[in-house]
Amino acid sequence: MIKVEVVRENDVIKEILLKGHALYDDMGKDIVCAYVSGTVICSINGINSIDINYLDIDKQKDLIRIIVLKNDEIVDTLLINMLNCLKNMEKKYPSNIKIYDKEEGTC
């Protein structure tokens, strides 16, 4: 399962962590993985095309950590759009992707 953890501070997105595998199908055939990867990479690239200093991206084997360094209306809108797309996928494939959205400092 892909787990998406969203950390907010005062309702503003500060960090998004994606980890794991969808396990919907074999590698190269997994439509959930392809959708999540495409959505996240497109969103990151869109933000970076505006200003490379908005995000800090940490990519590892089974993990992508997006740390928001600067918030403004454009970045917030693009990140919210990315999360809305992922939430739509979560509704269709609840066994393969789960989103946890939390306010910083809460359990």
C-alpha atoms as a PDB file:
ATOM      1  CA  MET A   1       0.000   0.000   0.000  1.00  0.00           C
ATOM      2  CA  ILE A   2       1.121   3.544  -0.745  1.00  0.00           C
ATOM      3  CA  LYS A   3       0.867   5.697   2.361  1.00  0.00           C
ATOM      4  CA  VAL A   4       0.660   9.455   1.944  1.00  0.00           C
ATOM      5  CA  GLU A   5       1.251  11.523   5.076  1.00  0.00           C
ATOM      6  CA  VAL A   6       0.372  15.218   4.900  1.00  0.00           C
ATOM      7  CA  VAL A   7       1.592  17.542   7.638  1.00  0.00           C
ATOM      8  CA  ARG A   8      -0.105  20.911   7.977  1.00  0.00           C
ATOM      9  CA  GLU A   9       0.591  23.898  10.168  1.00  0.00           C
ATOM     10  CA  ASN A  10      -2.312  26.323  10.587  1.00  0.00           C
ATOM     11  CA  ASP A  11      -4.046  24.457   7.736  1.00  0.00           C
ATOM     12  CA  VAL A  12      -1.095  25.113   5.379  1.00  0.00           C
ATOM     13  CA  ILE A  13       0.725  22.127   3.847  1.00  0.00           C
ATOM     14  CA  LYS A  14       4.289  21.918   5.180  1.00  0.00           C
ATOM     15  CA  GLU A  15       5.325  18.387   4.269  1.00  0.00           C
ATOM     16  CA  ILE A  16       4.094  15.413   2.251  1.00  0.00           C
ATOM     17  CA  LEU A  17       5.623  11.965   2.638  1.00  0.00           C
ATOM     18  CA  LEU A  18       4.822   9.176   0.192  1.00  0.00           C
ATOM     19  CA  LYS A  19       6.073   5.675   0.935  1.00  0.00           C
ATOM     20  CA  GLY A  20       5.454   2.111  -0.072  1.00  0.00           C
ATOM     21  CA  HIS A  21       4.067   0.371  -3.133  1.00  0.00           C
ATOM     22  CA  ALA A  22       0.490   0.125  -4.360  1.00  0.00           C
ATOM     23  CA  LEU A  23       0.718  -3.628  -5.032  1.00  0.00           C
ATOM     24  CA  TYR A  24      -2.270  -3.410  -7.363  1.00  0.00           C
ATOM     25  CA  ASP A  25      -0.443  -5.368 -10.080  1.00  0.00           C
ATOM     26  CA  ASP A  26       3.020  -6.463 -11.148  1.00  0.00           C
ATOM     27  CA  MET A  27       5.713  -3.836 -11.630  1.00  0.00           C
ATOM     28  CA  GLY A  28       5.215  -2.144 -14.976  1.00  0.00           C
ATOM     29  CA  LYS A  29       1.472  -2.949 -14.947  1.00  0.00           C
ATOM     30  CA  ASP A  30       0.455  -1.234 -11.706  1.00  0.00           C
ATOM     31  CA  ILE A  31      -1.980   1.529 -12.704  1.00  0.00           C
ATOM     32  CA  VAL A  32      -2.264   2.868  -9.142  1.00  0.00           C
ATOM     33  CA  CYS A  33       1.509   3.268  -8.854  1.00  0.00           C
ATOM     34  CA  ALA A  34       1.685   4.868 -12.294  1.00  0.00           C
ATOM     35  CA  TYR A  35      -1.098   7.323 -11.461  1.00  0.00           C
ATOM     36  CA  VAL A  36       0.432   8.317  -8.115  1.00  0.00           C
ATOM     37  CA  SER A  37       3.924   8.672  -9.598  1.00  0.00           C
ATOM     38  CA  GLY A  38       2.692  10.709 -12.557  1.00  0.00           C
ATOM     39  CA  THR A  39       0.546  12.984 -10.403  1.00  0.00           C
ATOM     40  CA  VAL A  40       3.298  13.654  -7.861  1.00  0.00           C
ATOM     41  CA  ILE A  41       6.099  14.158 -10.408  1.00  0.00           C
ATOM     42  CA  CYS A  42       3.941  16.458 -12.547  1.00  0.00           C
ATOM     43  CA  SER A  43       3.033  18.542  -9.485  1.00  0.00           C
ATOM     44  CA  ILE A  44       6.633  18.788  -8.294  1.00  0.00           C
ATOM     45  CA  ASN A  45       7.845  19.711 -11.777  1.00  0.00           C
ATOM     46  CA  GLY A  46       5.127  22.359 -12.117  1.00  0.00           C
ATOM     47  CA  ILE A  47       6.118  23.984  -8.832  1.00  0.00           C
ATOM     48  CA  ASN A  48       9.833  23.760  -9.662  1.00  0.00           C
ATOM     49  CA  SER A  49       9.206  25.418 -13.038  1.00  0.00           C
ATOM     50  CA  ILE A  50       7.895  28.462 -11.156  1.00  0.00           C
ATOM     51  CA  ASP A  51      10.651  28.572  -8.537  1.00  0.00           C
ATOM     52  CA  ILE A  52      13.160  25.841  -7.679  1.00  0.00           C
ATOM     53  CA  ASN A  53      13.351  27.175  -4.108  1.00  0.00           C
ATOM     54  CA  TYR A  54       9.731  26.377  -3.127  1.00  0.00           C
ATOM     55  CA  LEU A  55      10.340  22.712  -2.297  1.00  0.00           C
ATOM     56  CA  ASP A  56      12.999  20.434  -0.883  1.00  0.00           C
ATOM     57  CA  ILE A  57      12.604  16.956  -2.365  1.00  0.00           C
ATOM     58  CA  ASP A  58      14.139  13.846  -0.821  1.00  0.00           C
ATOM     59  CA  LYS A  59      13.819  10.821  -3.108  1.00  0.00           C
ATOM     60  CA  GLN A  60      14.833   7.393  -1.909  1.00  0.00           C
ATOM     61  CA  LYS A  61      14.011   3.884  -3.086  1.00  0.00           C
ATOM     62  CA  ASP A  62      10.470   3.596  -1.701  1.00  0.00           C
ATOM     63  CA  LEU A  63       9.970   7.118  -0.405  1.00  0.00           C
ATOM     64  CA  ILE A  64       9.464  10.691  -1.560  1.00  0.00           C
ATOM     65  CA  ARG A  65       9.486  13.484   1.021  1.00  0.00           C
ATOM     66  CA  ILE A  66       8.273  16.895  -0.138  1.00  0.00           C
ATOM     67  CA  ILE A  67       9.161  19.680   2.277  1.00  0.00           C
ATOM     68  CA  VAL A  68       7.525  23.011   1.501  1.00  0.00           C
ATOM     69  CA  LEU A  69      10.062  25.793   2.019  1.00  0.00           C
ATOM     70  CA  LYS A  70       7.883  28.685   0.848  1.00  0.00           C
ATOM     71  CA  ASN A  71       4.111  28.866   0.717  1.00  0.00           C
ATOM     72  CA  ASP A  72       2.118  31.134  -1.545  1.00  0.00           C
ATOM     73  CA  GLU A  73      -1.194  30.889  -3.361  1.00  0.00           C
ATOM     74  CA  ILE A  74       0.248  29.137  -6.418  1.00  0.00           C
ATOM     75  CA  VAL A  75       2.225  26.485  -4.516  1.00  0.00           C
ATOM     76  CA  ASP A  76      -0.634  25.840  -2.112  1.00  0.00           C
ATOM     77  CA  THR A  77      -3.095  25.483  -4.997  1.00  0.00           C
ATOM     78  CA  LEU A  78      -0.852  23.039  -6.876  1.00  0.00           C
ATOM     79  CA  LEU A  79      -0.274  20.929  -3.757  1.00  0.00           C
ATOM     80  CA  ILE A  80      -3.989  20.888  -2.911  1.00  0.00           C
ATOM     81  CA  ASN A  81      -4.729  19.846  -6.496  1.00  0.00           C
ATOM     82  CA  MET A  82      -2.171  17.022  -6.218  1.00  0.00           C
ATOM     83  CA  LEU A  83      -3.753  15.817  -2.966  1.00  0.00           C
ATOM     84  CA  ASN A  84      -7.265  16.012  -4.444  1.00  0.00           C
ATOM     85  CA  CYS A  85      -6.123  13.810  -7.332  1.00  0.00           C
ATOM     86  CA  LEU A  86      -4.587  11.325  -4.885  1.00  0.00           C
ATOM     87  CA  LYS A  87      -7.773  11.359  -2.762  1.00  0.00           C
ATOM     88  CA  ASN A  88      -9.801  10.445  -5.857  1.00  0.00           C
ATOM     89  CA  MET A  89      -7.486   7.478  -6.403  1.00  0.00           C
ATOM     90  CA  GLU A  90      -7.821   6.542  -2.719  1.00  0.00           C
ATOM     91  CA  LYS A  91     -11.619   6.378  -3.137  1.00  0.00           C
ATOM     92  CA  LYS A  92     -11.300   4.028  -6.118  1.00  0.00           C
ATOM     93  CA  TYR A  93      -8.467   1.879  -4.714  1.00  0.00           C
ATOM     94  CA  PRO A  94      -8.708   1.977  -0.893  1.00  0.00           C
ATOM     95  CA  SER A  95      -6.639  -1.204  -0.544  1.00  0.00           C
ATOM     96  CA  ASN A  96      -3.737   0.350  -2.460  1.00  0.00           C
ATOM     97  CA  ILE A  97      -3.423   3.966  -1.309  1.00  0.00           C
ATOM     98  CA  LYS A  98      -4.188   5.630   2.026  1.00  0.00           C
ATOM     99  CA  ILE A  99      -3.861   9.328   2.852  1.00  0.00           C
ATOM    100  CA  TYR A 100      -3.256  10.546   6.392  1.00  0.00           C
ATOM    101  CA  ASP A 101      -3.750  14.288   6.824  1.00  0.00           C
ATOM    102  CA  LYS A 102      -2.703  15.768  10.161  1.00  0.00           C
ATOM    103  CA  GLU A 103      -2.056  19.100  11.784  1.00  0.00           C
ATOM    104  CA  GLU A 104       1.512  19.510  13.075  1.00  0.00           C
ATOM    105  CA  GLY A 105       1.723  19.019  16.822  1.00  0.00           C
ATOM    106  CA  THR A 106      -1.328  16.720  17.016  1.00  0.00           C
ATOM    107  CA  CYS A 107      -1.513  12.951  17.314  1.00  0.00           C
END
